[in-house]
Amino acid sequence: MSRTATIDRKTAETEVHVELTLDGEGTGERDTGVGFLDHMLDLLARHGRIDLTVRASGDLETGAHHTVEDVGICIGQALDRALGDRAGITRYGEATVPMDESRASCALDISGRGLCAFEASLPPGSIGNFDHQLAEEFFRALANNAKLTLHITVQAGTNAHHVIEAAFKALARALRAAVALDPTQRGVPSTKGTLV
């Protein structure tokens, strides 16, 4: 079973292309015009063991918001499509990741219901052209479009770069666990019989 998906999205603000393979090795290329986002997507692919190619162009002269959100939408849609009917998946995943003085936890459920609860106190500011507040925008877009119940909590940290990096790594590790195939699971892991 090949758990892959390709998504293309074109709006008046952005153009995004995503190729995703769940059972990968972290390969692919990320080129969004937002350097810090590319770095975070590298982490998502590597620690999630997802092959991920992302190419995006957007109206960066107005800021990176549209590009970051639309990349999150497309990766979420690709996850949703690659998961198919969710038969045989573990469904739940959790991880806590330290990054120097920072520590973040992620718990997620491939529930069929999009929700993002992001608990973090990020100072105003930006890393390159990536405003700190865009981390939450990315996570929300991803969760809603992948139909995940996503909880990310930052428990410690003073350096915004480290805090956001810990959050992305925790998401990657939790997602890796949740999408894993469970050889003891027959069908969809839900008493309802569906996660879509």
N, C-alpha and C. Protein backbone atom coordinates (compact mmCIF):
# COMPACT_ATOMS: atom_id res chain seq x y z
N MET A 1 0.84 -1.18 0.00
CA MET A 1 0.00 0.00 0.00
C MET A 1 0.88 1.24 0.00
N SER A 2 0.68 2.09 -0.98
CA SER A 2 1.46 3.31 -1.09
C SER A 2 0.67 4.46 -0.49
N ARG A 3 1.20 5.04 0.59
CA ARG A 3 0.50 6.13 1.27
C ARG A 3 1.15 7.45 0.85
N THR A 4 0.74 7.92 -0.32
CA THR A 4 1.33 9.12 -0.90
C THR A 4 0.22 10.06 -1.34
N ALA A 5 0.58 11.32 -1.54
CA ALA A 5 -0.38 12.29 -2.06
C ALA A 5 0.37 13.46 -2.68
N THR A 6 -0.27 14.07 -3.66
CA THR A 6 0.22 15.30 -4.28
C THR A 6 -0.91 16.32 -4.25
N ILE A 7 -0.60 17.52 -3.80
CA ILE A 7 -1.58 18.59 -3.71
C ILE A 7 -1.04 19.83 -4.42
N ASP A 8 -1.89 20.46 -5.22
CA ASP A 8 -1.56 21.74 -5.83
C ASP A 8 -2.66 22.73 -5.46
N ARG A 9 -2.25 23.93 -5.07
CA ARG A 9 -3.19 24.99 -4.70
C ARG A 9 -2.72 26.30 -5.31
N LYS A 10 -3.63 26.98 -5.99
CA LYS A 10 -3.30 28.27 -6.58
C LYS A 10 -4.39 29.26 -6.22
N THR A 11 -3.98 30.36 -5.61
CA THR A 11 -4.90 31.44 -5.28
C THR A 11 -4.32 32.75 -5.82
N ALA A 12 -5.02 33.84 -5.57
CA ALA A 12 -4.51 35.15 -5.97
C ALA A 12 -3.30 35.55 -5.14
N GLU A 13 -3.08 34.85 -4.01
CA GLU A 13 -2.00 35.20 -3.10
C GLU A 13 -0.81 34.25 -3.14
N THR A 14 -1.07 32.97 -3.42
CA THR A 14 0.00 31.97 -3.36
C THR A 14 -0.19 30.90 -4.42
N GLU A 15 0.91 30.19 -4.66
CA GLU A 15 0.87 28.96 -5.45
C GLU A 15 1.73 27.94 -4.73
N VAL A 16 1.12 26.79 -4.39
CA VAL A 16 1.80 25.79 -3.55
C VAL A 16 1.70 24.42 -4.20
N HIS A 17 2.81 23.70 -4.18
CA HIS A 17 2.86 22.30 -4.65
C HIS A 17 3.45 21.46 -3.53
N VAL A 18 2.77 20.37 -3.16
CA VAL A 18 3.23 19.47 -2.10
C VAL A 18 3.19 18.04 -2.59
N GLU A 19 4.27 17.31 -2.36
CA GLU A 19 4.33 15.86 -2.57
C GLU A 19 4.70 15.24 -1.24
N LEU A 20 3.94 14.25 -0.81
CA LEU A 20 4.14 13.66 0.52
C LEU A 20 4.03 12.15 0.47
N THR A 21 4.96 11.47 1.14
CA THR A 21 4.91 10.02 1.32
C THR A 21 5.06 9.74 2.80
N LEU A 22 4.06 9.09 3.39
CA LEU A 22 4.08 8.84 4.82
C LEU A 22 5.20 7.89 5.24
N ASP A 23 5.41 6.84 4.49
CA ASP A 23 6.40 5.83 4.87
C ASP A 23 7.72 6.14 4.17
N GLY A 24 8.33 7.23 4.59
CA GLY A 24 9.52 7.71 3.91
C GLY A 24 10.75 7.72 4.79
N GLU A 25 11.70 8.54 4.39
CA GLU A 25 12.98 8.64 5.09
C GLU A 25 13.35 10.08 5.42
N GLY A 26 12.41 11.01 5.18
CA GLY A 26 12.70 12.41 5.45
C GLY A 26 13.32 13.15 4.29
N THR A 27 13.22 12.57 3.09
CA THR A 27 13.82 13.19 1.92
C THR A 27 12.89 14.25 1.32
N GLY A 28 13.35 14.90 0.28
CA GLY A 28 12.56 15.91 -0.42
C GLY A 28 13.20 17.27 -0.32
N GLU A 29 12.57 18.24 -0.94
CA GLU A 29 13.09 19.61 -0.95
C GLU A 29 12.00 20.56 -0.49
N ARG A 30 12.40 21.57 0.26
CA ARG A 30 11.47 22.57 0.74
C ARG A 30 11.95 23.94 0.27
N ASP A 31 11.11 24.64 -0.49
CA ASP A 31 11.46 25.95 -1.01
C ASP A 31 10.20 26.80 -1.04
N THR A 32 10.01 27.59 0.03
CA THR A 32 8.79 28.39 0.17
C THR A 32 9.04 29.89 0.07
N GLY A 33 10.30 30.29 0.03
CA GLY A 33 10.61 31.71 0.10
C GLY A 33 10.64 32.24 1.52
N VAL A 34 10.33 31.38 2.48
CA VAL A 34 10.36 31.73 3.90
C VAL A 34 11.38 30.78 4.54
N GLY A 35 12.61 31.29 4.73
CA GLY A 35 13.72 30.43 5.15
C GLY A 35 13.46 29.66 6.43
N PHE A 36 12.90 30.32 7.43
CA PHE A 36 12.66 29.62 8.70
C PHE A 36 11.60 28.53 8.54
N LEU A 37 10.57 28.78 7.72
CA LEU A 37 9.58 27.75 7.45
C LEU A 37 10.22 26.56 6.76
N ASP A 38 11.10 26.80 5.79
CA ASP A 38 11.81 25.70 5.14
C ASP A 38 12.56 24.86 6.16
N HIS A 39 13.21 25.52 7.10
CA HIS A 39 13.96 24.83 8.16
C HIS A 39 13.02 23.98 9.00
N MET A 40 11.85 24.52 9.37
CA MET A 40 10.89 23.77 10.17
C MET A 40 10.32 22.58 9.39
N LEU A 41 10.10 22.76 8.09
CA LEU A 41 9.60 21.66 7.27
C LEU A 41 10.66 20.58 7.10
N ASP A 42 11.95 20.98 7.07
CA ASP A 42 13.03 19.99 7.06
C ASP A 42 12.94 19.12 8.32
N LEU A 43 12.69 19.76 9.47
CA LEU A 43 12.57 19.03 10.73
C LEU A 43 11.35 18.12 10.72
N LEU A 44 10.23 18.63 10.22
CA LEU A 44 9.00 17.84 10.15
C LEU A 44 9.22 16.58 9.33
N ALA A 45 9.88 16.73 8.19
CA ALA A 45 10.15 15.58 7.32
C ALA A 45 11.12 14.60 7.98
N ARG A 46 12.22 15.13 8.49
CA ARG A 46 13.27 14.28 9.06
C ARG A 46 12.79 13.50 10.29
N HIS A 47 12.19 14.21 11.23
CA HIS A 47 11.79 13.55 12.48
C HIS A 47 10.46 12.82 12.34
N GLY A 48 9.66 13.18 11.33
CA GLY A 48 8.42 12.45 11.07
C GLY A 48 8.61 11.28 10.13
N ARG A 49 9.82 11.15 9.57
CA ARG A 49 10.12 10.10 8.58
C ARG A 49 9.13 10.17 7.42
N ILE A 50 8.87 11.42 6.99
CA ILE A 50 7.96 11.68 5.87
C ILE A 50 8.80 12.24 4.72
N ASP A 51 8.66 11.67 3.54
CA ASP A 51 9.26 12.29 2.36
C ASP A 51 8.35 13.46 1.98
N LEU A 52 8.93 14.65 1.89
CA LEU A 52 8.12 15.85 1.73
C LEU A 52 8.81 16.84 0.80
N THR A 53 8.15 17.14 -0.30
CA THR A 53 8.60 18.19 -1.20
C THR A 53 7.57 19.30 -1.17
N VAL A 54 8.03 20.51 -0.93
CA VAL A 54 7.14 21.68 -0.90
C VAL A 54 7.77 22.79 -1.73
N ARG A 55 7.02 23.26 -2.70
CA ARG A 55 7.42 24.44 -3.47
C ARG A 55 6.30 25.46 -3.36
N ALA A 56 6.65 26.66 -2.96
CA ALA A 56 5.63 27.69 -2.81
C ALA A 56 6.16 29.04 -3.26
N SER A 57 5.27 29.81 -3.84
CA SER A 57 5.57 31.21 -4.12
C SER A 57 4.35 32.00 -3.66
N GLY A 58 4.61 33.16 -3.08
CA GLY A 58 3.50 33.93 -2.56
C GLY A 58 3.82 35.41 -2.50
N ASP A 59 2.85 36.15 -2.00
CA ASP A 59 2.96 37.61 -1.92
C ASP A 59 3.76 38.02 -0.68
N LEU A 60 5.03 37.64 -0.67
CA LEU A 60 5.87 37.88 0.50
C LEU A 60 6.09 39.36 0.77
N GLU A 61 5.81 40.20 -0.21
CA GLU A 61 5.94 41.64 0.02
C GLU A 61 4.91 42.13 1.06
N THR A 62 3.85 41.36 1.28
CA THR A 62 2.86 41.71 2.30
C THR A 62 3.13 40.97 3.62
N GLY A 63 4.18 40.17 3.65
CA GLY A 63 4.49 39.33 4.81
C GLY A 63 4.34 37.88 4.42
N ALA A 64 4.70 37.00 5.34
CA ALA A 64 4.72 35.57 5.05
C ALA A 64 3.44 34.84 5.44
N HIS A 65 2.46 35.57 5.96
CA HIS A 65 1.25 34.92 6.50
C HIS A 65 0.57 34.02 5.48
N HIS A 66 0.27 34.53 4.29
CA HIS A 66 -0.47 33.75 3.30
C HIS A 66 0.31 32.50 2.89
N THR A 67 1.61 32.66 2.70
CA THR A 67 2.43 31.51 2.30
C THR A 67 2.46 30.45 3.38
N VAL A 68 2.71 30.85 4.62
CA VAL A 68 2.79 29.88 5.73
C VAL A 68 1.47 29.17 5.91
N GLU A 69 0.36 29.91 5.91
CA GLU A 69 -0.95 29.29 6.10
C GLU A 69 -1.28 28.34 4.95
N ASP A 70 -1.03 28.76 3.71
CA ASP A 70 -1.38 27.92 2.57
C ASP A 70 -0.50 26.67 2.49
N VAL A 71 0.76 26.78 2.89
CA VAL A 71 1.60 25.58 2.97
C VAL A 71 1.03 24.63 4.02
N GLY A 72 0.59 25.15 5.16
CA GLY A 72 -0.03 24.31 6.18
C GLY A 72 -1.29 23.63 5.66
N ILE A 73 -2.10 24.39 4.92
CA ILE A 73 -3.32 23.82 4.32
C ILE A 73 -2.96 22.66 3.40
N CYS A 74 -1.99 22.87 2.53
CA CYS A 74 -1.64 21.85 1.53
C CYS A 74 -1.00 20.61 2.16
N ILE A 75 -0.13 20.80 3.14
CA ILE A 75 0.45 19.63 3.81
C ILE A 75 -0.66 18.87 4.55
N GLY A 76 -1.58 19.61 5.18
CA GLY A 76 -2.71 18.96 5.84
C GLY A 76 -3.55 18.16 4.87
N GLN A 77 -3.85 18.73 3.71
CA GLN A 77 -4.64 18.02 2.70
C GLN A 77 -3.90 16.78 2.19
N ALA A 78 -2.58 16.90 2.05
CA ALA A 78 -1.79 15.77 1.60
C ALA A 78 -1.79 14.65 2.64
N LEU A 79 -1.67 15.01 3.92
CA LEU A 79 -1.75 14.00 4.98
C LEU A 79 -3.10 13.30 4.94
N ASP A 80 -4.17 14.08 4.84
CA ASP A 80 -5.52 13.53 4.80
C ASP A 80 -5.66 12.53 3.66
N ARG A 81 -5.19 12.93 2.48
CA ARG A 81 -5.32 12.06 1.31
C ARG A 81 -4.44 10.81 1.43
N ALA A 82 -3.20 10.98 1.92
CA ALA A 82 -2.29 9.85 2.02
C ALA A 82 -2.77 8.82 3.06
N LEU A 83 -3.48 9.27 4.07
CA LEU A 83 -3.99 8.37 5.10
C LEU A 83 -5.17 7.53 4.61
N GLY A 84 -5.82 7.95 3.55
CA GLY A 84 -6.93 7.18 2.99
C GLY A 84 -8.03 6.98 4.02
N ASP A 85 -8.48 5.73 4.17
CA ASP A 85 -9.58 5.46 5.11
C ASP A 85 -9.09 5.22 6.54
N ARG A 86 -7.79 5.38 6.76
CA ARG A 86 -7.16 5.25 8.09
C ARG A 86 -7.10 3.81 8.61
N ALA A 87 -7.43 2.83 7.80
CA ALA A 87 -7.40 1.44 8.26
C ALA A 87 -5.99 1.05 8.67
N GLY A 88 -5.88 0.44 9.83
CA GLY A 88 -4.62 -0.12 10.30
C GLY A 88 -3.67 0.84 10.98
N ILE A 89 -4.03 2.12 11.09
CA ILE A 89 -3.11 3.08 11.71
C ILE A 89 -3.17 2.99 13.24
N THR A 90 -2.12 3.49 13.88
CA THR A 90 -2.08 3.54 15.34
C THR A 90 -3.06 4.59 15.86
N ARG A 91 -3.26 5.65 15.16
CA ARG A 91 -4.21 6.74 15.39
C ARG A 91 -3.70 7.82 16.35
N TYR A 92 -3.17 7.43 17.50
CA TYR A 92 -2.72 8.40 18.50
C TYR A 92 -1.20 8.50 18.52
N GLY A 93 -0.71 9.68 18.84
CA GLY A 93 0.73 9.87 18.99
C GLY A 93 1.01 10.98 19.97
N GLU A 94 2.12 10.86 20.66
CA GLU A 94 2.54 11.92 21.57
C GLU A 94 4.06 11.92 21.66
N ALA A 95 4.59 13.11 21.93
CA ALA A 95 6.04 13.26 22.06
C ALA A 95 6.35 14.53 22.83
N THR A 96 7.42 14.47 23.59
CA THR A 96 7.98 15.65 24.25
C THR A 96 9.41 15.80 23.78
N VAL A 97 9.75 17.01 23.34
CA VAL A 97 11.07 17.23 22.75
C VAL A 97 11.73 18.45 23.40
N PRO A 98 12.96 18.28 23.90
CA PRO A 98 13.72 19.43 24.38
C PRO A 98 14.54 20.03 23.25
N MET A 99 14.72 21.31 23.29
CA MET A 99 15.61 22.01 22.36
C MET A 99 16.35 23.06 23.19
N ASP A 100 17.54 22.70 23.65
CA ASP A 100 18.29 23.55 24.56
C ASP A 100 17.41 23.91 25.76
N GLU A 101 17.13 25.21 26.01
CA GLU A 101 16.36 25.60 27.19
C GLU A 101 14.85 25.42 27.00
N SER A 102 14.44 25.07 25.78
CA SER A 102 13.02 24.94 25.46
C SER A 102 12.56 23.49 25.53
N ARG A 103 11.27 23.33 25.78
CA ARG A 103 10.67 21.98 25.80
C ARG A 103 9.22 22.10 25.35
N ALA A 104 8.83 21.26 24.40
CA ALA A 104 7.47 21.27 23.88
C ALA A 104 6.92 19.86 23.80
N SER A 105 5.62 19.74 24.02
CA SER A 105 4.93 18.46 23.92
C SER A 105 3.84 18.54 22.87
N CYS A 106 3.61 17.42 22.21
CA CYS A 106 2.53 17.32 21.25
C CYS A 106 1.77 16.02 21.49
N ALA A 107 0.46 16.12 21.55
CA ALA A 107 -0.41 14.95 21.58
C ALA A 107 -1.40 15.12 20.44
N LEU A 108 -1.58 14.07 19.65
CA LEU A 108 -2.51 14.20 18.54
C LEU A 108 -3.31 12.93 18.33
N ASP A 109 -4.46 13.13 17.72
CA ASP A 109 -5.39 12.06 17.41
C ASP A 109 -5.81 12.26 15.96
N ILE A 110 -5.62 11.24 15.14
CA ILE A 110 -6.11 11.30 13.76
C ILE A 110 -7.59 10.96 13.84
N SER A 111 -8.35 11.95 14.25
CA SER A 111 -9.74 11.75 14.69
C SER A 111 -10.77 11.96 13.61
N GLY A 112 -10.39 12.63 12.52
CA GLY A 112 -11.38 13.02 11.53
C GLY A 112 -12.00 14.37 11.85
N ARG A 113 -11.55 14.99 12.95
CA ARG A 113 -12.07 16.29 13.38
C ARG A 113 -10.90 17.25 13.57
N GLY A 114 -10.90 18.32 12.83
CA GLY A 114 -9.80 19.28 12.91
C GLY A 114 -9.92 20.20 14.10
N LEU A 115 -8.87 20.22 14.92
CA LEU A 115 -8.82 21.12 16.07
C LEU A 115 -7.35 21.34 16.41
N CYS A 116 -7.02 22.59 16.71
CA CYS A 116 -5.65 22.90 17.13
C CYS A 116 -5.71 23.68 18.43
N ALA A 117 -5.10 23.14 19.47
CA ALA A 117 -4.93 23.84 20.74
C ALA A 117 -3.44 24.08 20.91
N PHE A 118 -3.03 25.33 20.79
CA PHE A 118 -1.63 25.70 20.85
C PHE A 118 -1.41 26.57 22.08
N GLU A 119 -0.65 26.06 23.05
CA GLU A 119 -0.38 26.78 24.28
C GLU A 119 1.09 27.15 24.33
N ALA A 120 1.34 28.43 24.07
CA ALA A 120 2.72 28.93 24.07
C ALA A 120 2.70 30.43 24.28
N SER A 121 3.69 30.91 24.96
CA SER A 121 3.86 32.35 25.14
C SER A 121 5.06 32.79 24.32
N LEU A 122 4.80 33.14 23.08
CA LEU A 122 5.87 33.59 22.20
C LEU A 122 5.94 35.11 22.22
N PRO A 123 7.12 35.66 22.34
CA PRO A 123 7.23 37.12 22.34
C PRO A 123 6.95 37.66 20.94
N PRO A 124 6.51 38.92 20.83
CA PRO A 124 6.38 39.52 19.50
C PRO A 124 7.74 39.52 18.81
N GLY A 125 7.71 39.42 17.50
CA GLY A 125 8.97 39.45 16.76
C GLY A 125 8.95 38.48 15.61
N SER A 126 10.08 38.36 14.95
CA SER A 126 10.17 37.47 13.80
C SER A 126 11.56 36.87 13.71
N ILE A 127 11.62 35.76 12.99
CA ILE A 127 12.87 35.11 12.64
C ILE A 127 12.96 35.21 11.13
N GLY A 128 13.82 36.09 10.64
CA GLY A 128 13.80 36.40 9.22
C GLY A 128 12.46 37.01 8.87
N ASN A 129 11.78 36.46 7.85
CA ASN A 129 10.46 36.97 7.47
C ASN A 129 9.33 36.12 8.04
N PHE A 130 9.64 35.32 9.07
CA PHE A 130 8.65 34.45 9.72
C PHE A 130 8.28 35.07 11.07
N ASP A 131 7.09 35.70 11.15
CA ASP A 131 6.61 36.23 12.42
C ASP A 131 6.34 35.07 13.37
N HIS A 132 6.69 35.23 14.63
CA HIS A 132 6.51 34.16 15.61
C HIS A 132 5.09 33.62 15.63
N GLN A 133 4.10 34.51 15.49
CA GLN A 133 2.71 34.09 15.56
C GLN A 133 2.31 33.17 14.41
N LEU A 134 3.13 33.09 13.37
CA LEU A 134 2.80 32.23 12.24
C LEU A 134 2.95 30.75 12.57
N ALA A 135 3.66 30.42 13.63
CA ALA A 135 3.75 29.02 14.03
C ALA A 135 2.36 28.48 14.31
N GLU A 136 1.58 29.21 15.10
CA GLU A 136 0.21 28.77 15.41
C GLU A 136 -0.65 28.71 14.15
N GLU A 137 -0.48 29.67 13.25
CA GLU A 137 -1.26 29.66 12.00
C GLU A 137 -0.96 28.40 11.18
N PHE A 138 0.31 28.01 11.14
CA PHE A 138 0.68 26.80 10.40
C PHE A 138 0.04 25.57 11.04
N PHE A 139 0.19 25.45 12.37
CA PHE A 139 -0.35 24.28 13.06
C PHE A 139 -1.86 24.19 12.90
N ARG A 140 -2.56 25.32 12.97
CA ARG A 140 -4.01 25.31 12.83
C ARG A 140 -4.42 24.89 11.42
N ALA A 141 -3.75 25.44 10.41
CA ALA A 141 -4.07 25.08 9.03
C ALA A 141 -3.83 23.59 8.78
N LEU A 142 -2.73 23.09 9.31
CA LEU A 142 -2.40 21.67 9.16
C LEU A 142 -3.45 20.80 9.83
N ALA A 143 -3.78 21.10 11.08
CA ALA A 143 -4.74 20.29 11.84
C ALA A 143 -6.11 20.27 11.19
N ASN A 144 -6.59 21.44 10.77
CA ASN A 144 -7.93 21.52 10.18
C ASN A 144 -8.01 20.74 8.88
N ASN A 145 -6.96 20.80 8.07
CA ASN A 145 -7.01 20.15 6.76
C ASN A 145 -6.63 18.69 6.79
N ALA A 146 -5.85 18.28 7.78
CA ALA A 146 -5.55 16.85 7.95
C ALA A 146 -6.59 16.16 8.81
N LYS A 147 -7.50 16.96 9.39
CA LYS A 147 -8.56 16.44 10.27
C LYS A 147 -7.96 15.77 11.51
N LEU A 148 -7.02 16.50 12.13
CA LEU A 148 -6.35 16.04 13.34
C LEU A 148 -6.85 16.81 14.54
N THR A 149 -6.94 16.15 15.67
CA THR A 149 -7.05 16.83 16.95
C THR A 149 -5.61 17.00 17.44
N LEU A 150 -5.17 18.25 17.50
CA LEU A 150 -3.75 18.54 17.73
C LEU A 150 -3.59 19.44 18.95
N HIS A 151 -2.83 18.97 19.93
CA HIS A 151 -2.52 19.76 21.11
C HIS A 151 -1.00 19.93 21.17
N ILE A 152 -0.55 21.17 21.14
CA ILE A 152 0.88 21.47 21.29
C ILE A 152 1.03 22.41 22.47
N THR A 153 1.86 22.02 23.42
CA THR A 153 2.09 22.81 24.62
C THR A 153 3.58 23.07 24.79
N VAL A 154 3.93 24.34 24.90
CA VAL A 154 5.32 24.70 25.19
C VAL A 154 5.45 24.83 26.70
N GLN A 155 6.30 24.00 27.27
CA GLN A 155 6.43 23.94 28.73
C GLN A 155 7.56 24.80 29.26
N ALA A 156 8.53 25.11 28.41
CA ALA A 156 9.67 25.91 28.84
C ALA A 156 10.31 26.53 27.61
N GLY A 157 11.01 27.64 27.83
CA GLY A 157 11.76 28.23 26.73
C GLY A 157 11.76 29.74 26.75
N THR A 158 12.89 30.32 26.38
CA THR A 158 13.02 31.78 26.31
C THR A 158 13.44 32.24 24.91
N ASN A 159 14.00 31.35 24.12
CA ASN A 159 14.45 31.68 22.77
C ASN A 159 13.37 31.24 21.79
N ALA A 160 12.77 32.18 21.06
CA ALA A 160 11.65 31.87 20.17
C ALA A 160 12.02 30.83 19.12
N HIS A 161 13.23 30.91 18.58
CA HIS A 161 13.67 29.93 17.59
C HIS A 161 13.63 28.53 18.20
N HIS A 162 14.18 28.38 19.39
CA HIS A 162 14.21 27.07 20.05
C HIS A 162 12.81 26.58 20.40
N VAL A 163 11.95 27.50 20.86
CA VAL A 163 10.58 27.12 21.22
C VAL A 163 9.84 26.57 20.02
N ILE A 164 9.89 27.30 18.91
CA ILE A 164 9.17 26.87 17.70
C ILE A 164 9.76 25.58 17.16
N GLU A 165 11.09 25.47 17.21
CA GLU A 165 11.74 24.24 16.73
C GLU A 165 11.33 23.04 17.57
N ALA A 166 11.28 23.21 18.89
CA ALA A 166 10.85 22.11 19.76
C ALA A 166 9.42 21.70 19.43
N ALA A 167 8.55 22.68 19.15
CA ALA A 167 7.15 22.38 18.82
C ALA A 167 7.05 21.60 17.51
N PHE A 168 7.81 22.00 16.49
CA PHE A 168 7.77 21.27 15.22
C PHE A 168 8.32 19.86 15.36
N LYS A 169 9.39 19.71 16.13
CA LYS A 169 9.95 18.37 16.33
C LYS A 169 8.98 17.47 17.10
N ALA A 170 8.31 18.04 18.11
CA ALA A 170 7.33 17.26 18.87
C ALA A 170 6.18 16.83 17.96
N LEU A 171 5.71 17.75 17.11
CA LEU A 171 4.67 17.40 16.14
C LEU A 171 5.14 16.27 15.24
N ALA A 172 6.35 16.38 14.72
CA ALA A 172 6.87 15.35 13.81
C ALA A 172 6.91 13.99 14.46
N ARG A 173 7.41 13.94 15.68
CA ARG A 173 7.52 12.66 16.40
C ARG A 173 6.15 12.08 16.73
N ALA A 174 5.22 12.93 17.15
CA ALA A 174 3.87 12.44 17.47
C ALA A 174 3.15 11.97 16.20
N LEU A 175 3.33 12.70 15.11
CA LEU A 175 2.70 12.30 13.85
C LEU A 175 3.27 10.99 13.35
N ARG A 176 4.57 10.83 13.48
CA ARG A 176 5.22 9.57 13.08
C ARG A 176 4.61 8.38 13.81
N ALA A 177 4.36 8.55 15.11
CA ALA A 177 3.75 7.46 15.90
C ALA A 177 2.31 7.22 15.48
N ALA A 178 1.55 8.28 15.24
CA ALA A 178 0.12 8.14 14.96
C ALA A 178 -0.17 7.53 13.60
N VAL A 179 0.65 7.84 12.58
CA VAL A 179 0.39 7.32 11.24
C VAL A 179 0.97 5.92 11.04
N ALA A 180 1.77 5.46 12.01
CA ALA A 180 2.39 4.13 11.89
C ALA A 180 1.32 3.05 11.76
N LEU A 181 1.62 2.06 10.96
CA LEU A 181 0.70 0.94 10.81
C LEU A 181 0.88 -0.03 11.97
N ASP A 182 -0.23 -0.42 12.57
CA ASP A 182 -0.26 -1.33 13.71
C ASP A 182 -0.68 -2.71 13.19
N PRO A 183 0.24 -3.69 13.20
CA PRO A 183 -0.09 -4.99 12.63
C PRO A 183 -1.21 -5.72 13.38
N THR A 184 -1.51 -5.27 14.60
CA THR A 184 -2.59 -5.92 15.37
C THR A 184 -3.94 -5.25 15.12
N GLN A 185 -3.94 -4.14 14.40
CA GLN A 185 -5.18 -3.38 14.18
C GLN A 185 -5.86 -3.84 12.90
N ARG A 186 -7.06 -4.36 13.03
CA ARG A 186 -7.84 -4.73 11.86
C ARG A 186 -8.84 -3.61 11.59
N GLY A 187 -8.78 -3.06 10.42
CA GLY A 187 -9.71 -2.01 10.05
C GLY A 187 -9.36 -0.67 10.68
N VAL A 188 -10.38 0.16 10.83
CA VAL A 188 -10.21 1.52 11.33
C VAL A 188 -10.27 1.51 12.86
N PRO A 189 -9.32 2.18 13.53
CA PRO A 189 -9.30 2.17 15.00
C PRO A 189 -10.33 3.13 15.60
N SER A 190 -11.61 2.77 15.45
CA SER A 190 -12.70 3.58 15.99
C SER A 190 -13.92 2.70 16.17
N THR A 191 -14.65 2.89 17.26
CA THR A 191 -15.89 2.14 17.45
C THR A 191 -16.96 2.58 16.47
N LYS A 192 -16.79 3.77 15.87
CA LYS A 192 -17.75 4.25 14.86
C LYS A 192 -17.54 3.57 13.53
N GLY A 193 -16.34 3.01 13.32
CA GLY A 193 -16.04 2.37 12.05
C GLY A 193 -15.51 3.31 10.99
N THR A 194 -15.31 4.60 11.36
CA THR A 194 -14.77 5.56 10.41
C THR A 194 -14.02 6.67 11.15
N LEU A 195 -12.99 7.19 10.50
CA LEU A 195 -12.24 8.34 11.01
C LEU A 195 -12.19 9.43 9.96
N VAL A 196 -13.07 9.37 9.01
CA VAL A 196 -13.06 10.33 7.90
C VAL A 196 -14.28 11.23 8.01
